[in-house]
PDB file of N, CA and C in Angstrom:
ATOM      1  N   MET A   1      12.735  41.907 -26.019  1.00  0.00           N
ATOM      2  CA  MET A   1      12.906  40.011 -25.647  1.00  0.00           C
ATOM      3  C   MET A   1      13.280  39.461 -26.848  1.00  0.00           C
ATOM      4  N   SER A   2      14.368  38.889 -26.497  1.00  0.00           N
ATOM      5  CA  SER A   2      15.116  37.929 -28.232  1.00  0.00           C
ATOM      6  C   SER A   2      14.593  36.179 -27.703  1.00  0.00           C
ATOM      7  N   GLU A   3      14.561  36.178 -28.794  1.00  0.00           N
ATOM      8  CA  GLU A   3      14.342  34.520 -28.585  1.00  0.00           C
ATOM      9  C   GLU A   3      15.501  33.962 -29.450  1.00  0.00           C
ATOM     10  N   TYR A   4      15.792  32.594 -28.753  1.00  0.00           N
ATOM     11  CA  TYR A   4      17.138  31.642 -29.332  1.00  0.00           C
ATOM     12  C   TYR A   4      15.945  30.804 -29.121  1.00  0.00           C
ATOM     13  N   ARG A   5      17.362  29.872 -30.103  1.00  0.00           N
ATOM     14  CA  ARG A   5      17.113  28.234 -30.343  1.00  0.00           C
ATOM     15  C   ARG A   5      18.112  26.960 -29.531  1.00  0.00           C
ATOM     16  N   LEU A   6      17.756  26.589 -28.670  1.00  0.00           N
ATOM     17  CA  LEU A   6      18.818  25.598 -28.326  1.00  0.00           C
ATOM     18  C   LEU A   6      20.349  25.655 -28.808  1.00  0.00           C
ATOM     19  N   LYS A   7      19.969  25.519 -30.197  1.00  0.00           N
ATOM     20  CA  LYS A   7      21.220  25.307 -30.841  1.00  0.00           C
ATOM     21  C   LYS A   7      22.080  26.985 -31.502  1.00  0.00           C
ATOM     22  N   ASP A   8      21.484  27.554 -30.866  1.00  0.00           N
ATOM     23  CA  ASP A   8      22.276  28.880 -30.702  1.00  0.00           C
ATOM     24  C   ASP A   8      22.900  29.124 -29.536  1.00  0.00           C
ATOM     25  N   VAL A   9      23.026  28.513 -28.521  1.00  0.00           N
ATOM     26  CA  VAL A   9      23.486  28.670 -27.354  1.00  0.00           C
ATOM     27  C   VAL A   9      23.953  27.437 -27.065  1.00  0.00           C
ATOM     28  N   ALA A  10      23.974  26.476 -27.744  1.00  0.00           N
ATOM     29  CA  ALA A  10      24.813  25.046 -27.148  1.00  0.00           C
ATOM     30  C   ALA A  10      25.103  24.244 -28.353  1.00  0.00           C
ATOM     31  N   THR A  11      26.019  23.022 -28.116  1.00  0.00           N
ATOM     32  CA  THR A  11      25.845  22.106 -28.800  1.00  0.00           C
ATOM     33  C   THR A  11      25.113  20.816 -28.593  1.00  0.00           C
ATOM     34  N   VAL A  12      24.665  20.554 -29.944  1.00  0.00           N
ATOM     35  CA  VAL A  12      23.532  19.500 -29.171  1.00  0.00           C
ATOM     36  C   VAL A  12      23.757  17.743 -29.847  1.00  0.00           C
ATOM     37  N   LYS A  13      24.472  16.663 -29.486  1.00  0.00           N
ATOM     38  CA  LYS A  13      24.768  15.984 -30.060  1.00  0.00           C
ATOM     39  C   LYS A  13      25.055  14.545 -29.128  1.00  0.00           C
ATOM     40  N   THR A  14      24.261  13.306 -30.058  1.00  0.00           N
ATOM     41  CA  THR A  14      24.715  12.114 -29.319  1.00  0.00           C
ATOM     42  C   THR A  14      26.152  11.690 -28.866  1.00  0.00           C
ATOM     43  N   ASN A  15      26.500  10.807 -28.100  1.00  0.00           N
ATOM     44  CA  ASN A  15      28.103  10.345 -27.448  1.00  0.00           C
ATOM     45  C   ASN A  15      28.364  11.463 -27.286  1.00  0.00           C
ATOM     46  N   PHE A  16      28.588  12.157 -26.845  1.00  0.00           N
ATOM     47  CA  PHE A  16      29.045  13.674 -26.588  1.00  0.00           C
ATOM     48  C   PHE A  16      29.426  13.295 -24.925  1.00  0.00           C
ATOM     49  N   GLU A  17      30.888  12.920 -24.979  1.00  0.00           N
ATOM     50  CA  GLU A  17      31.116  12.351 -23.517  1.00  0.00           C
ATOM     51  C   GLU A  17      31.184  14.289 -22.394  1.00  0.00           C
ATOM     52  N   ASP A  18      31.816  15.115 -23.527  1.00  0.00           N
ATOM     53  CA  ASP A  18      32.171  16.162 -22.882  1.00  0.00           C
ATOM     54  C   ASP A  18      31.077  17.531 -22.410  1.00  0.00           C
ATOM     55  N   ALA A  19      29.590  16.729 -23.028  1.00  0.00           N
ATOM     56  CA  ALA A  19      28.645  17.813 -22.635  1.00  0.00           C
ATOM     57  C   ALA A  19      28.636  18.111 -21.364  1.00  0.00           C
ATOM     58  N   ASP A  20      27.836  19.251 -20.917  1.00  0.00           N
ATOM     59  CA  ASP A  20      27.698  19.859 -19.865  1.00  0.00           C
ATOM     60  C   ASP A  20      26.754  18.823 -18.629  1.00  0.00           C
ATOM     61  N   PHE A  21      25.384  18.252 -19.499  1.00  0.00           N
ATOM     62  CA  PHE A  21      24.732  17.171 -19.223  1.00  0.00           C
ATOM     63  C   PHE A  21      24.224  16.898 -19.754  1.00  0.00           C
ATOM     64  N   TRP A  22      23.386  15.863 -20.021  1.00  0.00           N
ATOM     65  CA  TRP A  22      22.519  14.628 -20.885  1.00  0.00           C
ATOM     66  C   TRP A  22      21.040  14.813 -20.684  1.00  0.00           C
ATOM     67  N   ILE A  23      20.311  14.066 -21.564  1.00  0.00           N
ATOM     68  CA  ILE A  23      19.131  14.333 -21.754  1.00  0.00           C
ATOM     69  C   ILE A  23      18.770  12.505 -22.221  1.00  0.00           C
ATOM     70  N   LYS A  24      17.981  12.004 -21.552  1.00  0.00           N
ATOM     71  CA  LYS A  24      17.886  10.497 -22.461  1.00  0.00           C
ATOM     72  C   LYS A  24      16.795  10.547 -24.203  1.00  0.00           C
ATOM     73  N   ARG A  25      16.821  10.362 -24.497  1.00  0.00           N
ATOM     74  CA  ARG A  25      16.498  10.053 -25.982  1.00  0.00           C
ATOM     75  C   ARG A  25      15.864   8.857 -25.689  1.00  0.00           C
ATOM     76  N   ARG A  26      15.983   7.599 -25.335  1.00  0.00           N
ATOM     77  CA  ARG A  26      14.809   6.045 -25.688  1.00  0.00           C
ATOM     78  C   ARG A  26      14.560   5.913 -24.482  1.00  0.00           C
ATOM     79  N   GLY A  27      13.575   5.183 -24.781  1.00  0.00           N
ATOM     80  CA  GLY A  27      13.199   4.402 -23.306  1.00  0.00           C
ATOM     81  C   GLY A  27      11.216   4.438 -23.388  1.00  0.00           C
ATOM     82  N   SER A  28      10.751   4.932 -21.992  1.00  0.00           N
ATOM     83  CA  SER A  28       9.557   4.538 -22.485  1.00  0.00           C
ATOM     84  C   SER A  28       8.937   6.311 -21.952  1.00  0.00           C
ATOM     85  N   GLU A  29       7.503   6.321 -22.789  1.00  0.00           N
ATOM     86  CA  GLU A  29       7.538   8.090 -22.595  1.00  0.00           C
ATOM     87  C   GLU A  29       7.205   8.542 -21.213  1.00  0.00           C
ATOM     88  N   HIS A  30       7.069   8.188 -20.373  1.00  0.00           N
ATOM     89  CA  HIS A  30       7.860   9.171 -18.911  1.00  0.00           C
ATOM     90  C   HIS A  30       8.753   9.355 -18.885  1.00  0.00           C
ATOM     91  N   MET A  31      10.015   8.544 -19.291  1.00  0.00           N
ATOM     92  CA  MET A  31      11.297   8.629 -18.969  1.00  0.00           C
ATOM     93  C   MET A  31      12.233   9.528 -20.226  1.00  0.00           C
ATOM     94  N   ILE A  32      11.194   9.282 -21.590  1.00  0.00           N
ATOM     95  CA  ILE A  32      12.695  10.140 -22.863  1.00  0.00           C
ATOM     96  C   ILE A  32      12.280  11.789 -22.347  1.00  0.00           C
ATOM     97  N   GLY A  33      13.382  12.555 -22.415  1.00  0.00           N
ATOM     98  CA  GLY A  33      13.673  13.880 -22.329  1.00  0.00           C
ATOM     99  C   GLY A  33      14.668  14.154 -20.609  1.00  0.00           C
ATOM    100  N   LYS A  34      14.314  13.027 -20.210  1.00  0.00           N
ATOM    101  CA  LYS A  34      15.170  13.335 -18.313  1.00  0.00           C
ATOM    102  C   LYS A  34      16.459  13.655 -18.491  1.00  0.00           C
ATOM    103  N   PRO A  35      16.639  14.800 -17.935  1.00  0.00           N
ATOM    104  CA  PRO A  35      18.004  15.386 -17.967  1.00  0.00           C
ATOM    105  C   PRO A  35      19.179  14.191 -16.855  1.00  0.00           C
ATOM    106  N   THR A  36      20.282  14.158 -17.193  1.00  0.00           N
ATOM    107  CA  THR A  36      20.835  13.603 -15.704  1.00  0.00           C
ATOM    108  C   THR A  36      22.729  13.999 -16.119  1.00  0.00           C
ATOM    109  N   LYS A  37      22.974  13.915 -15.160  1.00  0.00           N
ATOM    110  CA  LYS A  37      24.564  14.430 -14.849  1.00  0.00           C
ATOM    111  C   LYS A  37      25.487  13.305 -15.572  1.00  0.00           C
ATOM    112  N   GLN A  38      24.931  11.717 -16.314  1.00  0.00           N
ATOM    113  CA  GLN A  38      25.320  10.505 -15.997  1.00  0.00           C
ATOM    114  C   GLN A  38      25.533  10.064 -17.592  1.00  0.00           C
ATOM    115  N   PHE A  39      26.996  10.659 -18.178  1.00  0.00           N
ATOM    116  CA  PHE A  39      27.009  10.145 -19.581  1.00  0.00           C
ATOM    117  C   PHE A  39      27.086   8.856 -20.389  1.00  0.00           C
ATOM    118  N   ASP A  40      25.830   8.784 -20.814  1.00  0.00           N
ATOM    119  CA  ASP A  40      25.605   7.225 -22.120  1.00  0.00           C
ATOM    120  C   ASP A  40      25.587   8.047 -23.350  1.00  0.00           C
ATOM    121  N   SER A  41      26.133   7.159 -24.507  1.00  0.00           N
ATOM    122  CA  SER A  41      26.724   7.335 -25.776  1.00  0.00           C
ATOM    123  C   SER A  41      24.711   7.413 -25.861  1.00  0.00           C
ATOM    124  N   GLU A  42      24.205   6.802 -25.744  1.00  0.00           N
ATOM    125  CA  GLU A  42      23.304   6.797 -26.435  1.00  0.00           C
ATOM    126  C   GLU A  42      22.250   8.287 -25.999  1.00  0.00           C
ATOM    127  N   HIS A  43      22.294   8.750 -24.796  1.00  0.00           N
ATOM    128  CA  HIS A  43      21.798  10.352 -24.594  1.00  0.00           C
ATOM    129  C   HIS A  43      22.147  10.836 -25.303  1.00  0.00           C
ATOM    130  N   ILE A  44      21.165  12.536 -25.659  1.00  0.00           N
ATOM    131  CA  ILE A  44      21.878  13.258 -26.072  1.00  0.00           C
ATOM    132  C   ILE A  44      22.343  14.297 -24.900  1.00  0.00           C
ATOM    133  N   GLY A  45      23.517  14.649 -25.283  1.00  0.00           N
ATOM    134  CA  GLY A  45      24.410  15.519 -24.886  1.00  0.00           C
ATOM    135  C   GLY A  45      24.546  17.061 -25.141  1.00  0.00           C
ATOM    136  N   ILE A  46      24.429  17.803 -24.321  1.00  0.00           N
ATOM    137  CA  ILE A  46      24.350  19.183 -24.112  1.00  0.00           C
ATOM    138  C   ILE A  46      24.929  20.276 -23.919  1.00  0.00           C
ATOM    139  N   LYS A  47      25.951  21.037 -24.160  1.00  0.00           N
ATOM    140  CA  LYS A  47      27.162  21.713 -23.859  1.00  0.00           C
ATOM    141  C   LYS A  47      26.879  23.065 -24.281  1.00  0.00           C
ATOM    142  N   VAL A  48      26.787  24.147 -23.080  1.00  0.00           N
ATOM    143  CA  VAL A  48      26.449  25.549 -23.393  1.00  0.00           C
ATOM    144  C   VAL A  48      28.160  25.627 -24.148  1.00  0.00           C
ATOM    145  N   THR A  49      27.514  26.507 -25.390  1.00  0.00           N
ATOM    146  CA  THR A  49      29.255  27.261 -25.760  1.00  0.00           C
ATOM    147  C   THR A  49      28.249  28.738 -26.051  1.00  0.00           C
ATOM    148  N   LYS A  50      27.409  29.503 -25.267  1.00  0.00           N
ATOM    149  CA  LYS A  50      27.520  30.859 -25.481  1.00  0.00           C
ATOM    150  C   LYS A  50      27.678  31.306 -23.553  1.00  0.00           C
ATOM    151  N   THR A  51      28.080  30.848 -22.893  1.00  0.00           N
ATOM    152  CA  THR A  51      27.958  31.249 -21.514  1.00  0.00           C
ATOM    153  C   THR A  51      27.730  32.349 -21.110  1.00  0.00           C
ATOM    154  N   ASP A  52      27.945  33.375 -21.804  1.00  0.00           N
ATOM    155  CA  ASP A  52      27.922  34.800 -21.333  1.00  0.00           C
ATOM    156  C   ASP A  52      26.481  35.014 -22.004  1.00  0.00           C
ATOM    157  N   THR A  53      25.671  34.136 -22.340  1.00  0.00           N
ATOM    158  CA  THR A  53      23.788  34.196 -22.299  1.00  0.00           C
ATOM    159  C   THR A  53      23.194  33.490 -21.577  1.00  0.00           C
ATOM    160  N   ILE A  54      23.770  31.493 -21.115  1.00  0.00           N
ATOM    161  CA  ILE A  54      22.856  31.327 -20.383  1.00  0.00           C
ATOM    162  C   ILE A  54      24.158  30.130 -19.463  1.00  0.00           C
ATOM    163  N   ILE A  55      24.048  29.765 -18.586  1.00  0.00           N
ATOM    164  CA  ILE A  55      25.164  28.942 -17.658  1.00  0.00           C
ATOM    165  C   ILE A  55      23.626  27.805 -17.530  1.00  0.00           C
ATOM    166  N   PRO A  56      25.345  27.374 -18.149  1.00  0.00           N
ATOM    167  CA  PRO A  56      24.708  25.293 -17.778  1.00  0.00           C
ATOM    168  C   PRO A  56      23.889  24.804 -16.751  1.00  0.00           C
ATOM    169  N   GLU A  57      24.377  25.457 -15.727  1.00  0.00           N
ATOM    170  CA  GLU A  57      23.641  24.711 -14.686  1.00  0.00           C
ATOM    171  C   GLU A  57      22.090  24.926 -14.290  1.00  0.00           C
ATOM    172  N   PHE A  58      22.206  26.289 -15.144  1.00  0.00           N
ATOM    173  CA  PHE A  58      20.891  27.319 -15.072  1.00  0.00           C
ATOM    174  C   PHE A  58      20.284  26.253 -16.343  1.00  0.00           C
ATOM    175  N   LEU A  59      20.847  25.990 -17.361  1.00  0.00           N
ATOM    176  CA  LEU A  59      19.901  25.527 -18.282  1.00  0.00           C
ATOM    177  C   LEU A  59      19.674  23.923 -18.011  1.00  0.00           C
ATOM    178  N   TYR A  60      20.116  23.056 -16.826  1.00  0.00           N
ATOM    179  CA  TYR A  60      20.166  22.084 -16.540  1.00  0.00           C
ATOM    180  C   TYR A  60      18.240  21.809 -15.616  1.00  0.00           C
ATOM    181  N   TYR A  61      18.647  22.988 -15.202  1.00  0.00           N
ATOM    182  CA  TYR A  61      17.486  23.228 -14.093  1.00  0.00           C
ATOM    183  C   TYR A  61      15.791  23.571 -14.889  1.00  0.00           C
ATOM    184  N   VAL A  62      16.235  24.285 -16.115  1.00  0.00           N
ATOM    185  CA  VAL A  62      15.439  24.469 -17.283  1.00  0.00           C
ATOM    186  C   VAL A  62      14.853  23.206 -17.833  1.00  0.00           C
ATOM    187  N   PHE A  63      15.844  21.944 -18.098  1.00  0.00           N
ATOM    188  CA  PHE A  63      15.349  20.979 -18.601  1.00  0.00           C
ATOM    189  C   PHE A  63      14.746  20.215 -17.278  1.00  0.00           C
ATOM    190  N   GLU A  64      15.238  20.148 -16.198  1.00  0.00           N
ATOM    191  CA  GLU A  64      14.236  19.508 -15.369  1.00  0.00           C
ATOM    192  C   GLU A  64      12.872  19.998 -15.590  1.00  0.00           C
ATOM    193  N   HIS A  65      12.696  21.278 -15.532  1.00  0.00           N
ATOM    194  CA  HIS A  65      11.313  21.875 -15.583  1.00  0.00           C
ATOM    195  C   HIS A  65      10.452  21.335 -16.781  1.00  0.00           C
ATOM    196  N   LEU A  66      11.048  21.771 -18.153  1.00  0.00           N
ATOM    197  CA  LEU A  66      10.710  21.171 -19.285  1.00  0.00           C
ATOM    198  C   LEU A  66      10.081  19.847 -18.760  1.00  0.00           C
ATOM    199  N   TYR A  67      11.010  18.729 -18.768  1.00  0.00           N
ATOM    200  CA  TYR A  67      10.651  17.319 -18.348  1.00  0.00           C
ATOM    201  C   TYR A  67       9.513  17.000 -17.134  1.00  0.00           C
ATOM    202  N   GLY A  68       9.377  17.937 -15.895  1.00  0.00           N
ATOM    203  CA  GLY A  68       8.399  17.607 -14.749  1.00  0.00           C
ATOM    204  C   GLY A  68       6.671  18.333 -15.689  1.00  0.00           C
ATOM    205  N   ARG A  69       7.189  18.829 -16.613  1.00  0.00           N
ATOM    206  CA  ARG A  69       5.440  19.268 -17.543  1.00  0.00           C
ATOM    207  C   ARG A  69       5.321  18.780 -18.090  1.00  0.00           C
ATOM    208  N   GLY A  70       6.020  17.487 -18.566  1.00  0.00           N
ATOM    209  CA  GLY A  70       5.733  16.221 -19.909  1.00  0.00           C
ATOM    210  C   GLY A  70       5.991  17.301 -21.000  1.00  0.00           C
ATOM    211  N   GLU A  71       6.650  17.974 -21.139  1.00  0.00           N
ATOM    212  CA  GLU A  71       7.426  18.789 -22.655  1.00  0.00           C
ATOM    213  C   GLU A  71       7.611  17.634 -23.557  1.00  0.00           C
ATOM    214  N   PHE A  72       8.423  16.817 -23.003  1.00  0.00           N
ATOM    215  CA  PHE A  72       9.436  15.839 -24.136  1.00  0.00           C
ATOM    216  C   PHE A  72       8.201  14.914 -24.896  1.00  0.00           C
ATOM    217  N   ARG A  73       7.411  14.502 -24.401  1.00  0.00           N
ATOM    218  CA  ARG A  73       6.051  13.201 -24.472  1.00  0.00           C
ATOM    219  C   ARG A  73       5.602  14.209 -26.079  1.00  0.00           C
ATOM    220  N   ARG A  74       5.301  15.434 -26.393  1.00  0.00           N
ATOM    221  CA  ARG A  74       4.869  15.841 -27.085  1.00  0.00           C
ATOM    222  C   ARG A  74       5.532  15.429 -28.833  1.00  0.00           C
ATOM    223  N   LEU A  75       7.138  15.472 -28.157  1.00  0.00           N
ATOM    224  CA  LEU A  75       8.317  15.251 -28.952  1.00  0.00           C
ATOM    225  C   LEU A  75       8.178  13.926 -29.544  1.00  0.00           C
ATOM    226  N   ALA A  76       7.756  13.063 -28.757  1.00  0.00           N
ATOM    227  CA  ALA A  76       7.993  11.690 -28.381  1.00  0.00           C
ATOM    228  C   ALA A  76       7.941  11.108 -29.703  1.00  0.00           C
ATOM    229  N   LYS A  77       8.401  10.111 -31.050  1.00  0.00           N
ATOM    230  CA  LYS A  77       8.276   9.294 -31.572  1.00  0.00           C
ATOM    231  C   LYS A  77       8.386   7.748 -31.440  1.00  0.00           C
ATOM    232  N   GLY A  78       7.597   7.415 -32.066  1.00  0.00           N
ATOM    233  CA  GLY A  78       7.675   5.973 -32.192  1.00  0.00           C
ATOM    234  C   GLY A  78       5.792   5.659 -31.442  1.00  0.00           C
ATOM    235  N   SER A  79       5.400   4.012 -31.898  1.00  0.00           N
ATOM    236  CA  SER A  79       4.579   4.178 -31.616  1.00  0.00           C
ATOM    237  C   SER A  79       3.773   2.866 -30.644  1.00  0.00           C
ATOM    238  N   LEU A  80       5.080   2.595 -30.540  1.00  0.00           N
ATOM    239  CA  LEU A  80       5.044   1.257 -28.873  1.00  0.00           C
ATOM    240  C   LEU A  80       5.722   1.753 -28.062  1.00  0.00           C
ATOM    241  N   LYS A  81       6.007   1.049 -26.899  1.00  0.00           N
ATOM    242  CA  LYS A  81       5.753   1.446 -25.544  1.00  0.00           C
ATOM    243  C   LYS A  81       6.917   1.821 -25.382  1.00  0.00           C
ATOM    244  N   LEU A  82       8.148   1.609 -26.257  1.00  0.00           N
ATOM    245  CA  LEU A  82       9.559   2.436 -26.488  1.00  0.00           C
ATOM    246  C   LEU A  82       9.301   3.626 -27.548  1.00  0.00           C
ATOM    247  N   VAL A  83       9.909   4.489 -27.258  1.00  0.00           N
ATOM    248  CA  VAL A  83       9.505   6.030 -28.108  1.00  0.00           C
ATOM    249  C   VAL A  83      11.083   6.738 -28.199  1.00  0.00           C
ATOM    250  N   HIS A  84      11.218   7.274 -28.660  1.00  0.00           N
ATOM    251  CA  HIS A  84      12.583   7.768 -29.105  1.00  0.00           C
ATOM    252  C   HIS A  84      12.660   9.569 -29.297  1.00  0.00           C
ATOM    253  N   LEU A  85      13.385  10.525 -28.506  1.00  0.00           N
ATOM    254  CA  LEU A  85      13.580  11.634 -29.107  1.00  0.00           C
ATOM    255  C   LEU A  85      14.646  12.160 -30.114  1.00  0.00           C
ATOM    256  N   GLU A  86      14.446  12.780 -31.363  1.00  0.00           N
ATOM    257  CA  GLU A  86      15.135  13.428 -32.317  1.00  0.00           C
ATOM    258  C   GLU A  86      16.312  14.551 -31.718  1.00  0.00           C
ATOM    259  N   THR A  87      17.611  14.422 -31.894  1.00  0.00           N
ATOM    260  CA  THR A  87      18.243  15.949 -31.632  1.00  0.00           C
ATOM    261  C   THR A  87      18.109  16.833 -32.303  1.00  0.00           C
ATOM    262  N   SER A  88      17.439  16.717 -33.639  1.00  0.00           N
ATOM    263  CA  SER A  88      16.933  18.186 -34.373  1.00  0.00           C
ATOM    264  C   SER A  88      15.628  18.502 -33.201  1.00  0.00           C
ATOM    265  N   ASP A  89      14.858  17.644 -33.292  1.00  0.00           N
ATOM    266  CA  ASP A  89      13.829  18.126 -31.881  1.00  0.00           C
ATOM    267  C   ASP A  89      14.423  19.450 -30.600  1.00  0.00           C
ATOM    268  N   ILE A  90      15.550  18.422 -30.203  1.00  0.00           N
ATOM    269  CA  ILE A  90      16.279  19.428 -28.662  1.00  0.00           C
ATOM    270  C   ILE A  90      16.592  20.511 -29.448  1.00  0.00           C
ATOM    271  N   LYS A  91      17.400  20.287 -30.318  1.00  0.00           N
ATOM    272  CA  LYS A  91      18.135  21.765 -30.998  1.00  0.00           C
ATOM    273  C   LYS A  91      17.329  23.157 -31.199  1.00  0.00           C
ATOM    274  N   ASN A  92      16.142  22.380 -31.734  1.00  0.00           N
ATOM    275  CA  ASN A  92      15.288  23.847 -31.541  1.00  0.00           C
ATOM    276  C   ASN A  92      14.714  24.179 -30.740  1.00  0.00           C
ATOM    277  N   ILE A  93      14.489  23.421 -29.685  1.00  0.00           N
ATOM    278  CA  ILE A  93      13.600  24.060 -28.792  1.00  0.00           C
ATOM    279  C   ILE A  93      13.766  25.965 -28.388  1.00  0.00           C
ATOM    280  N   LYS A  94      12.902  26.076 -27.933  1.00  0.00           N
ATOM    281  CA  LYS A  94      12.895  27.786 -28.236  1.00  0.00           C
ATOM    282  C   LYS A  94      13.372  28.288 -26.841  1.00  0.00           C
ATOM    283  N   LEU A  95      14.119  28.717 -26.349  1.00  0.00           N
ATOM    284  CA  LEU A  95      14.513  29.831 -24.883  1.00  0.00           C
ATOM    285  C   LEU A  95      14.712  31.156 -25.364  1.00  0.00           C
ATOM    286  N   VAL A  96      13.900  32.152 -24.488  1.00  0.00           N
ATOM    287  CA  VAL A  96      13.567  32.977 -24.074  1.00  0.00           C
ATOM    288  C   VAL A  96      14.528  34.081 -23.679  1.00  0.00           C
ATOM    289  N   ASP A  97      15.101  35.016 -23.755  1.00  0.00           N
ATOM    290  CA  ASP A  97      16.115  35.883 -23.538  1.00  0.00           C
ATOM    291  C   ASP A  97      15.155  36.923 -23.235  1.00  0.00           C
ATOM    292  N   GLN A  98      15.161  37.435 -21.638  1.00  0.00           N
ATOM    293  CA  GLN A  98      14.362  38.461 -21.303  1.00  0.00           C
ATOM    294  C   GLN A  98      14.813  39.729 -20.832  1.00  0.00           C
TER     295      GLN A  98
END
């Protein structure tokens, strides 16, 4: 079993119009990390670069699952009702290859 980080298989950055999908990086604690297929320059874009390792559509559903479990809430920064995610936190999400 190999362990990868997202940055090992994808490019992750903001204002990334050519990404495969995006995740919301700012907003309420309950909305950050929500995957979307809609470009917004403020969202974190994810573009799979190692398509021999992971399929972009599958990764989108992995992020749907992580969002549904509330995983991004623990990465949230900020003390008010509005919080944010840092791109570096997303780049370092662990992926496991079995």
